[in-house]
Amino acid sequence: MSLFDLTGKVAVVTGSSRGIGKASVFELAEHGAKVVVSSRKQDACDEVAAEINAKYGDGTAIAVAANISDKVGLQHLVDESRRAFGKIDILVCNAASNPYYGPQADISDEQFRKILDNNIVSNHWLISMVVPEMRARKDGAIIIISSIGGLRGSTAIGAYCISKAADMQLARNLAHEYGPDNVRVNCIAPGLVKTDFARALWENPERQKAANSSVPLRRIGEPEDIAGGVVFLASKAAAFTTGQTIVMDGGVTI
């Protein structure tokens, strides 16, 4: 059996109607997992789930809308996932927000709190809802999509970078707490990836050309580049990996 085989596993992925999340639910399904597609809009989730079921067979995916800022909504996501598939083996905390670009001194309290709540506190909520059954089973994989912004300073997206650094620390803390029960918690830190979320950073051709020139691989990432890391961390291939942040950035941070 392949170390990457996820047959019989159930994965919940937030922010999975597009970008890295969408690529991840497709790759998880490709490797045998049942998947729960979730983002804010039900129709967008339904569309992705229908695509997956058409490709991998009916019953492979369900769609459950949830806003990561809504604790009740997240509990509904967890409850519906369990109702449909009976359990949750893999959690991918991918959804995040960044409503502000500019100097740290000019960010409003509301914007700062929204970034911290959506990118850190919501992950804490969702993990806390899912992890008890994983600990009871002595098996589980939790993956937080962080960012190389959490490793570097920024004058434009400073609050976002703070939140992504905190996600890395959250993974380290929880890896200590849950490791004795064989529940692994890891982060992926992507560089610039061609997603709608990062559109402002790449859609200008000159800006993208400049970005590409600074990357050893001479290109920005595609969502599928990150989805491969998600499959690795979710699978037996990463059975001895926990508390880590895997950087996937084309070499930018080297």
C-alpha atoms as a PDB file:
ATOM      1  CA  MET A   1       0.000   0.000   0.000  1.00  0.00           C
ATOM      2  CA  SER A   2       1.289   3.452  -0.920  1.00  0.00           C
ATOM      3  CA  LEU A   3       2.412   5.712   1.913  1.00  0.00           C
ATOM      4  CA  PHE A   4       0.243   8.369   0.280  1.00  0.00           C
ATOM      5  CA  ASP A   5      -2.937   6.264   0.163  1.00  0.00           C
ATOM      6  CA  LEU A   6      -5.810   7.995   1.979  1.00  0.00           C
ATOM      7  CA  THR A   7      -8.498   5.418   1.323  1.00  0.00           C
ATOM      8  CA  GLY A   8     -10.992   5.363   4.183  1.00  0.00           C
ATOM      9  CA  LYS A   9      -9.954   8.773   5.492  1.00  0.00           C
ATOM     10  CA  VAL A  10     -12.233  11.819   5.791  1.00  0.00           C
ATOM     11  CA  ALA A  11     -10.829  15.315   5.270  1.00  0.00           C
ATOM     12  CA  VAL A  12     -12.379  18.697   6.075  1.00  0.00           C
ATOM     13  CA  VAL A  13     -10.820  21.637   4.224  1.00  0.00           C
ATOM     14  CA  THR A  14     -11.789  25.242   4.889  1.00  0.00           C
ATOM     15  CA  GLY A  15     -11.639  27.823   2.121  1.00  0.00           C
ATOM     16  CA  SER A  16     -11.842  25.030  -0.436  1.00  0.00           C
ATOM     17  CA  SER A  17     -14.083  26.520  -3.110  1.00  0.00           C
ATOM     18  CA  ARG A  18     -11.038  27.998  -4.866  1.00  0.00           C
ATOM     19  CA  GLY A  19      -7.260  28.357  -4.791  1.00  0.00           C
ATOM     20  CA  ILE A  20      -5.089  26.212  -2.540  1.00  0.00           C
ATOM     21  CA  GLY A  21      -8.123  24.788  -0.736  1.00  0.00           C
ATOM     22  CA  LYS A  22      -9.795  23.650  -3.947  1.00  0.00           C
ATOM     23  CA  ALA A  23      -6.597  22.078  -5.253  1.00  0.00           C
ATOM     24  CA  SER A  24      -6.217  20.313  -1.911  1.00  0.00           C
ATOM     25  CA  VAL A  25      -9.680  18.727  -1.837  1.00  0.00           C
ATOM     26  CA  PHE A  26      -9.133  17.425  -5.367  1.00  0.00           C
ATOM     27  CA  GLU A  27      -5.740  15.915  -4.503  1.00  0.00           C
ATOM     28  CA  LEU A  28      -7.029  14.417  -1.252  1.00  0.00           C
ATOM     29  CA  ALA A  29      -9.882  12.812  -3.210  1.00  0.00           C
ATOM     30  CA  GLU A  30      -7.408  11.647  -5.869  1.00  0.00           C
ATOM     31  CA  HIS A  31      -5.585   9.736  -3.133  1.00  0.00           C
ATOM     32  CA  GLY A  32      -8.742   8.082  -1.823  1.00  0.00           C
ATOM     33  CA  ALA A  33     -10.137  10.396   0.851  1.00  0.00           C
ATOM     34  CA  LYS A  34     -13.710  11.512   1.325  1.00  0.00           C
ATOM     35  CA  VAL A  35     -13.719  15.307   1.423  1.00  0.00           C
ATOM     36  CA  VAL A  36     -15.810  18.107   2.885  1.00  0.00           C
ATOM     37  CA  VAL A  37     -15.721  21.268   0.797  1.00  0.00           C
ATOM     38  CA  SER A  38     -16.271  24.426   2.830  1.00  0.00           C
ATOM     39  CA  SER A  39     -16.186  28.177   2.271  1.00  0.00           C
ATOM     40  CA  ARG A  40     -18.520  31.072   2.961  1.00  0.00           C
ATOM     41  CA  LYS A  41     -20.888  30.547   0.016  1.00  0.00           C
ATOM     42  CA  GLN A  42     -22.903  27.346  -0.288  1.00  0.00           C
ATOM     43  CA  ASP A  43     -23.315  27.562  -4.066  1.00  0.00           C
ATOM     44  CA  ALA A  44     -19.554  27.789  -4.582  1.00  0.00           C
ATOM     45  CA  CYS A  45     -19.043  24.776  -2.299  1.00  0.00           C
ATOM     46  CA  ASP A  46     -21.770  22.829  -4.119  1.00  0.00           C
ATOM     47  CA  GLU A  47     -20.068  23.463  -7.446  1.00  0.00           C
ATOM     48  CA  VAL A  48     -16.710  22.100  -6.292  1.00  0.00           C
ATOM     49  CA  ALA A  49     -18.285  19.080  -4.571  1.00  0.00           C
ATOM     50  CA  ALA A  50     -20.201  18.285  -7.771  1.00  0.00           C
ATOM     51  CA  GLU A  51     -16.958  18.424  -9.773  1.00  0.00           C
ATOM     52  CA  ILE A  52     -15.272  16.043  -7.352  1.00  0.00           C
ATOM     53  CA  ASN A  53     -18.199  13.604  -7.319  1.00  0.00           C
ATOM     54  CA  ALA A  54     -18.334  13.641 -11.108  1.00  0.00           C
ATOM     55  CA  LYS A  55     -14.640  12.763 -11.271  1.00  0.00           C
ATOM     56  CA  TYR A  56     -14.262  10.354  -8.346  1.00  0.00           C
ATOM     57  CA  GLY A  57     -17.759   8.990  -7.821  1.00  0.00           C
ATOM     58  CA  ASP A  58     -20.896  10.028  -5.956  1.00  0.00           C
ATOM     59  CA  GLY A  59     -20.414  10.256  -2.233  1.00  0.00           C
ATOM     60  CA  THR A  60     -16.784  11.329  -2.437  1.00  0.00           C
ATOM     61  CA  ALA A  61     -17.525  14.935  -1.474  1.00  0.00           C
ATOM     62  CA  ILE A  62     -20.107  16.971   0.371  1.00  0.00           C
ATOM     63  CA  ALA A  63     -20.422  20.754   0.619  1.00  0.00           C
ATOM     64  CA  VAL A  64     -20.976  22.598   3.896  1.00  0.00           C
ATOM     65  CA  ALA A  65     -20.741  26.380   3.912  1.00  0.00           C
ATOM     66  CA  ALA A  66     -19.154  28.006   6.964  1.00  0.00           C
ATOM     67  CA  ASN A  67     -17.750  31.407   7.813  1.00  0.00           C
ATOM     68  CA  ILE A  68     -14.563  30.990   9.833  1.00  0.00           C
ATOM     69  CA  SER A  69     -15.485  33.998  11.985  1.00  0.00           C
ATOM     70  CA  ASP A  70     -18.649  32.213  13.183  1.00  0.00           C
ATOM     71  CA  LYS A  71     -17.989  29.671  15.942  1.00  0.00           C
ATOM     72  CA  VAL A  72     -21.507  28.230  15.667  1.00  0.00           C
ATOM     73  CA  GLY A  73     -21.053  27.892  11.919  1.00  0.00           C
ATOM     74  CA  LEU A  74     -17.791  26.009  12.404  1.00  0.00           C
ATOM     75  CA  GLN A  75     -19.458  23.613  14.830  1.00  0.00           C
ATOM     76  CA  HIS A  76     -22.167  23.054  12.208  1.00  0.00           C
ATOM     77  CA  LEU A  77     -19.423  22.223   9.685  1.00  0.00           C
ATOM     78  CA  VAL A  78     -17.953  19.653  12.052  1.00  0.00           C
ATOM     79  CA  ASP A  79     -21.355  18.167  12.925  1.00  0.00           C
ATOM     80  CA  GLU A  80     -22.434  17.853   9.286  1.00  0.00           C
ATOM     81  CA  SER A  81     -19.106  16.282   8.326  1.00  0.00           C
ATOM     82  CA  ARG A  82     -19.511  13.651  11.010  1.00  0.00           C
ATOM     83  CA  ARG A  83     -23.156  13.085  10.102  1.00  0.00           C
ATOM     84  CA  ALA A  84     -22.235  12.433   6.471  1.00  0.00           C
ATOM     85  CA  PHE A  85     -19.037  10.422   6.904  1.00  0.00           C
ATOM     86  CA  GLY A  86     -19.019   9.319  10.550  1.00  0.00           C
ATOM     87  CA  LYS A  87     -15.663  10.832  11.493  1.00  0.00           C
ATOM     88  CA  ILE A  88     -12.967  13.370  10.655  1.00  0.00           C
ATOM     89  CA  ASP A  89      -9.413  12.107  10.149  1.00  0.00           C
ATOM     90  CA  ILE A  90      -7.814  15.122   8.471  1.00  0.00           C
ATOM     91  CA  LEU A  91      -8.388  18.823   9.071  1.00  0.00           C
ATOM     92  CA  VAL A  92      -6.920  21.459   6.761  1.00  0.00           C
ATOM     93  CA  CYS A  93      -7.240  25.006   8.130  1.00  0.00           C
ATOM     94  CA  ASN A  94      -6.790  26.905   4.899  1.00  0.00           C
ATOM     95  CA  ALA A  95      -9.259  29.799   5.025  1.00  0.00           C
ATOM     96  CA  ALA A  96      -7.833  33.164   6.074  1.00  0.00           C
ATOM     97  CA  SER A  97      -8.377  36.867   5.532  1.00  0.00           C
ATOM     98  CA  ASN A  98      -6.320  39.997   5.015  1.00  0.00           C
ATOM     99  CA  PRO A  99      -8.472  43.145   4.777  1.00  0.00           C
ATOM    100  CA  TYR A 100      -5.590  45.614   5.083  1.00  0.00           C
ATOM    101  CA  TYR A 101      -2.480  46.532   3.110  1.00  0.00           C
ATOM    102  CA  GLY A 102      -0.209  49.251   4.470  1.00  0.00           C
ATOM    103  CA  PRO A 103       1.906  50.338   7.445  1.00  0.00           C
ATOM    104  CA  GLN A 104       1.193  48.725  10.797  1.00  0.00           C
ATOM    105  CA  ALA A 105       0.704  52.157  12.369  1.00  0.00           C
ATOM    106  CA  ASP A 106      -2.321  52.861  10.173  1.00  0.00           C
ATOM    107  CA  ILE A 107      -4.284  49.645  10.660  1.00  0.00           C
ATOM    108  CA  SER A 108      -7.581  50.050  12.494  1.00  0.00           C
ATOM    109  CA  ASP A 109      -8.365  48.057  15.607  1.00  0.00           C
ATOM    110  CA  GLU A 110     -11.239  46.396  13.762  1.00  0.00           C
ATOM    111  CA  GLN A 111      -9.017  45.298  10.873  1.00  0.00           C
ATOM    112  CA  PHE A 112      -6.290  44.033  13.200  1.00  0.00           C
ATOM    113  CA  ARG A 113      -8.753  42.043  15.289  1.00  0.00           C
ATOM    114  CA  LYS A 114     -10.401  40.576  12.179  1.00  0.00           C
ATOM    115  CA  ILE A 115      -7.061  39.295  10.903  1.00  0.00           C
ATOM    116  CA  LEU A 116      -6.125  37.770  14.261  1.00  0.00           C
ATOM    117  CA  ASP A 117      -9.591  36.288  14.823  1.00  0.00           C
ATOM    118  CA  ASN A 118      -9.918  34.776  11.343  1.00  0.00           C
ATOM    119  CA  ASN A 119      -6.357  33.544  10.967  1.00  0.00           C
ATOM    120  CA  ILE A 120      -5.585  32.316  14.484  1.00  0.00           C
ATOM    121  CA  VAL A 121      -8.597  32.143  16.782  1.00  0.00           C
ATOM    122  CA  SER A 122     -10.802  30.389  14.200  1.00  0.00           C
ATOM    123  CA  ASN A 123      -8.109  27.723  13.715  1.00  0.00           C
ATOM    124  CA  HIS A 124      -8.002  27.225  17.483  1.00  0.00           C
ATOM    125  CA  TRP A 125     -11.796  26.831  17.542  1.00  0.00           C
ATOM    126  CA  LEU A 126     -11.955  24.358  14.692  1.00  0.00           C
ATOM    127  CA  ILE A 127      -9.052  22.252  15.899  1.00  0.00           C
ATOM    128  CA  SER A 128     -10.584  22.094  19.373  1.00  0.00           C
ATOM    129  CA  MET A 129     -13.842  20.828  17.883  1.00  0.00           C
ATOM    130  CA  VAL A 130     -12.205  18.110  15.786  1.00  0.00           C
ATOM    131  CA  VAL A 131      -9.296  16.873  17.897  1.00  0.00           C
ATOM    132  CA  PRO A 132     -11.138  14.953  20.668  1.00  0.00           C
ATOM    133  CA  GLU A 133     -12.173  12.148  18.322  1.00  0.00           C
ATOM    134  CA  MET A 134      -8.690  12.035  16.797  1.00  0.00           C
ATOM    135  CA  ARG A 135      -7.126  11.662  20.232  1.00  0.00           C
ATOM    136  CA  ALA A 136      -9.617   8.967  21.155  1.00  0.00           C
ATOM    137  CA  ARG A 137      -8.732   7.050  17.960  1.00  0.00           C
ATOM    138  CA  LYS A 138      -5.010   7.688  18.446  1.00  0.00           C
ATOM    139  CA  ASP A 139      -4.819   8.938  14.872  1.00  0.00           C
ATOM    140  CA  GLY A 140      -5.251  12.285  13.147  1.00  0.00           C
ATOM    141  CA  ALA A 141      -3.595  14.894  10.960  1.00  0.00           C
ATOM    142  CA  ILE A 142      -4.111  18.648  11.292  1.00  0.00           C
ATOM    143  CA  ILE A 143      -2.616  20.988   8.700  1.00  0.00           C
ATOM    144  CA  ILE A 144      -2.596  24.779   8.947  1.00  0.00           C
ATOM    145  CA  ILE A 145      -1.863  26.780   5.808  1.00  0.00           C
ATOM    146  CA  SER A 146       0.434  29.530   7.060  1.00  0.00           C
ATOM    147  CA  SER A 147       2.702  31.716   4.892  1.00  0.00           C
ATOM    148  CA  ILE A 148       6.337  32.675   4.456  1.00  0.00           C
ATOM    149  CA  GLY A 149       5.050  36.038   5.679  1.00  0.00           C
ATOM    150  CA  GLY A 150       5.248  34.451   9.121  1.00  0.00           C
ATOM    151  CA  LEU A 151       9.012  34.109   8.686  1.00  0.00           C
ATOM    152  CA  ARG A 152       9.791  37.602   7.411  1.00  0.00           C
ATOM    153  CA  GLY A 153       8.983  41.205   8.173  1.00  0.00           C
ATOM    154  CA  SER A 154       6.677  43.272   5.993  1.00  0.00           C
ATOM    155  CA  THR A 155       5.735  46.930   5.643  1.00  0.00           C
ATOM    156  CA  ALA A 156       2.570  46.110   3.664  1.00  0.00           C
ATOM    157  CA  ILE A 157       0.944  43.030   5.226  1.00  0.00           C
ATOM    158  CA  GLY A 158       2.406  43.167   8.729  1.00  0.00           C
ATOM    159  CA  ALA A 159      -0.707  42.094  10.636  1.00  0.00           C
ATOM    160  CA  TYR A 160      -1.232  39.159   8.262  1.00  0.00           C
ATOM    161  CA  CYS A 161       2.391  38.127   8.816  1.00  0.00           C
ATOM    162  CA  ILE A 162       1.919  38.316  12.583  1.00  0.00           C
ATOM    163  CA  SER A 163      -1.081  35.999  12.326  1.00  0.00           C
ATOM    164  CA  LYS A 164       0.805  33.522  10.153  1.00  0.00           C
ATOM    165  CA  ALA A 165       3.733  33.421  12.561  1.00  0.00           C
ATOM    166  CA  ALA A 166       1.235  32.705  15.328  1.00  0.00           C
ATOM    167  CA  ASP A 167      -0.169  29.793  13.308  1.00  0.00           C
ATOM    168  CA  MET A 168       3.290  28.227  13.261  1.00  0.00           C
ATOM    169  CA  GLN A 169       3.521  28.542  17.032  1.00  0.00           C
ATOM    170  CA  LEU A 170       0.005  27.132  17.405  1.00  0.00           C
ATOM    171  CA  ALA A 171       1.130  24.055  15.479  1.00  0.00           C
ATOM    172  CA  ARG A 172       4.213  23.637  17.665  1.00  0.00           C
ATOM    173  CA  ASN A 173       2.212  23.948  20.875  1.00  0.00           C
ATOM    174  CA  LEU A 174      -0.504  21.540  19.771  1.00  0.00           C
ATOM    175  CA  ALA A 175       2.036  19.045  18.427  1.00  0.00           C
ATOM    176  CA  HIS A 176       3.347  18.794  21.999  1.00  0.00           C
ATOM    177  CA  GLU A 177      -0.143  18.467  23.469  1.00  0.00           C
ATOM    178  CA  TYR A 178      -1.529  15.922  21.022  1.00  0.00           C
ATOM    179  CA  GLY A 179       1.610  14.001  20.057  1.00  0.00           C
ATOM    180  CA  PRO A 180       1.195  11.399  22.823  1.00  0.00           C
ATOM    181  CA  ASP A 181      -2.138  10.468  21.194  1.00  0.00           C
ATOM    182  CA  ASN A 182      -0.576  10.220  17.710  1.00  0.00           C
ATOM    183  CA  VAL A 183      -2.277  13.356  16.408  1.00  0.00           C
ATOM    184  CA  ARG A 184       0.091  15.332  14.200  1.00  0.00           C
ATOM    185  CA  VAL A 185      -0.138  19.120  13.741  1.00  0.00           C
ATOM    186  CA  ASN A 186       1.883  20.859  11.034  1.00  0.00           C
ATOM    187  CA  CYS A 187       1.961  24.015   8.937  1.00  0.00           C
ATOM    188  CA  ILE A 188       2.686  24.716   5.307  1.00  0.00           C
ATOM    189  CA  ALA A 189       4.182  28.120   4.528  1.00  0.00           C
ATOM    190  CA  PRO A 190       3.581  28.929   0.868  1.00  0.00           C
ATOM    191  CA  GLY A 191       5.307  31.726  -0.958  1.00  0.00           C
ATOM    192  CA  LEU A 192       3.410  33.771  -3.529  1.00  0.00           C
ATOM    193  CA  VAL A 193       0.797  31.516  -5.151  1.00  0.00           C
ATOM    194  CA  LYS A 194      -1.452  32.357  -8.099  1.00  0.00           C
ATOM    195  CA  THR A 195      -4.763  32.537  -6.235  1.00  0.00           C
ATOM    196  CA  ASP A 196      -7.575  35.083  -6.040  1.00  0.00           C
ATOM    197  CA  PHE A 197      -6.541  35.764  -2.431  1.00  0.00           C
ATOM    198  CA  ALA A 198      -3.131  37.021  -3.594  1.00  0.00           C
ATOM    199  CA  ARG A 199      -4.327  38.569  -6.849  1.00  0.00           C
ATOM    200  CA  ALA A 200      -3.128  42.053  -5.882  1.00  0.00           C
ATOM    201  CA  LEU A 201       0.417  40.700  -5.648  1.00  0.00           C
ATOM    202  CA  TRP A 202       0.585  38.978  -9.050  1.00  0.00           C
ATOM    203  CA  GLU A 203      -2.009  40.145 -11.586  1.00  0.00           C
ATOM    204  CA  ASN A 204       0.024  43.143 -12.734  1.00  0.00           C
ATOM    205  CA  PRO A 205       2.390  41.689 -15.413  1.00  0.00           C
ATOM    206  CA  GLU A 206       5.308  43.884 -14.367  1.00  0.00           C
ATOM    207  CA  ARG A 207       4.843  43.001 -10.720  1.00  0.00           C
ATOM    208  CA  GLN A 208       4.638  39.290 -11.569  1.00  0.00           C
ATOM    209  CA  LYS A 209       7.761  39.535 -13.717  1.00  0.00           C
ATOM    210  CA  ALA A 210       9.620  41.147 -10.826  1.00  0.00           C
ATOM    211  CA  ALA A 211       8.314  38.473  -8.446  1.00  0.00           C
ATOM    212  CA  ASN A 212       9.397  35.675 -10.774  1.00  0.00           C
ATOM    213  CA  SER A 213      12.915  37.093 -11.062  1.00  0.00           C
ATOM    214  CA  SER A 214      13.396  36.816  -7.300  1.00  0.00           C
ATOM    215  CA  VAL A 215      12.388  33.148  -7.160  1.00  0.00           C
ATOM    216  CA  PRO A 216      15.097  30.532  -7.768  1.00  0.00           C
ATOM    217  CA  LEU A 217      12.555  28.447  -9.704  1.00  0.00           C
ATOM    218  CA  ARG A 218      11.679  31.594 -11.692  1.00  0.00           C
ATOM    219  CA  ARG A 219       7.941  31.355 -11.228  1.00  0.00           C
ATOM    220  CA  ILE A 220       5.301  31.951  -8.598  1.00  0.00           C
ATOM    221  CA  GLY A 221       3.439  28.957  -7.218  1.00  0.00           C
ATOM    222  CA  GLU A 222       0.295  27.272  -8.477  1.00  0.00           C
ATOM    223  CA  PRO A 223      -2.335  25.925  -6.045  1.00  0.00           C
ATOM    224  CA  GLU A 224      -1.437  22.357  -7.000  1.00  0.00           C
ATOM    225  CA  ASP A 225       2.126  22.941  -5.817  1.00  0.00           C
ATOM    226  CA  ILE A 226       0.829  23.387  -2.270  1.00  0.00           C
ATOM    227  CA  ALA A 227      -1.787  20.621  -2.502  1.00  0.00           C
ATOM    228  CA  GLY A 228       1.000  18.065  -2.812  1.00  0.00           C
ATOM    229  CA  GLY A 229       2.300  19.143   0.579  1.00  0.00           C
ATOM    230  CA  VAL A 230      -1.178  18.785   2.044  1.00  0.00           C
ATOM    231  CA  VAL A 231      -1.408  15.187   0.800  1.00  0.00           C
ATOM    232  CA  PHE A 232       2.033  14.423   2.233  1.00  0.00           C
ATOM    233  CA  LEU A 233       1.212  15.798   5.685  1.00  0.00           C
ATOM    234  CA  ALA A 234      -2.177  14.073   5.721  1.00  0.00           C
ATOM    235  CA  SER A 235      -0.752  10.677   4.837  1.00  0.00           C
ATOM    236  CA  LYS A 236       1.370   7.925   6.395  1.00  0.00           C
ATOM    237  CA  ALA A 237       4.323   9.390   4.502  1.00  0.00           C
ATOM    238  CA  ALA A 238       4.411  12.066   7.221  1.00  0.00           C
ATOM    239  CA  ALA A 239       3.801   9.705  10.143  1.00  0.00           C
ATOM    240  CA  PHE A 240       6.962  10.949  11.911  1.00  0.00           C
ATOM    241  CA  THR A 241       6.442  14.636  11.134  1.00  0.00           C
ATOM    242  CA  THR A 242       4.764  16.961  13.622  1.00  0.00           C
ATOM    243  CA  GLY A 243       5.100  20.534  14.861  1.00  0.00           C
ATOM    244  CA  GLN A 244       6.851  21.525  11.653  1.00  0.00           C
ATOM    245  CA  THR A 245       6.436  24.324   9.127  1.00  0.00           C
ATOM    246  CA  ILE A 246       7.189  23.120   5.627  1.00  0.00           C
ATOM    247  CA  VAL A 247       8.182  26.046   3.412  1.00  0.00           C
ATOM    248  CA  MET A 248       6.945  25.745  -0.187  1.00  0.00           C
ATOM    249  CA  ASP A 249       8.026  28.947  -1.903  1.00  0.00           C
ATOM    250  CA  GLY A 250      10.126  28.105  -4.947  1.00  0.00           C
ATOM    251  CA  GLY A 251      13.222  28.915  -2.919  1.00  0.00           C
ATOM    252  CA  VAL A 252      12.418  32.551  -2.090  1.00  0.00           C
ATOM    253  CA  THR A 253      13.423  32.332   1.574  1.00  0.00           C
ATOM    254  CA  ILE A 254      16.781  30.667   0.931  1.00  0.00           C
END
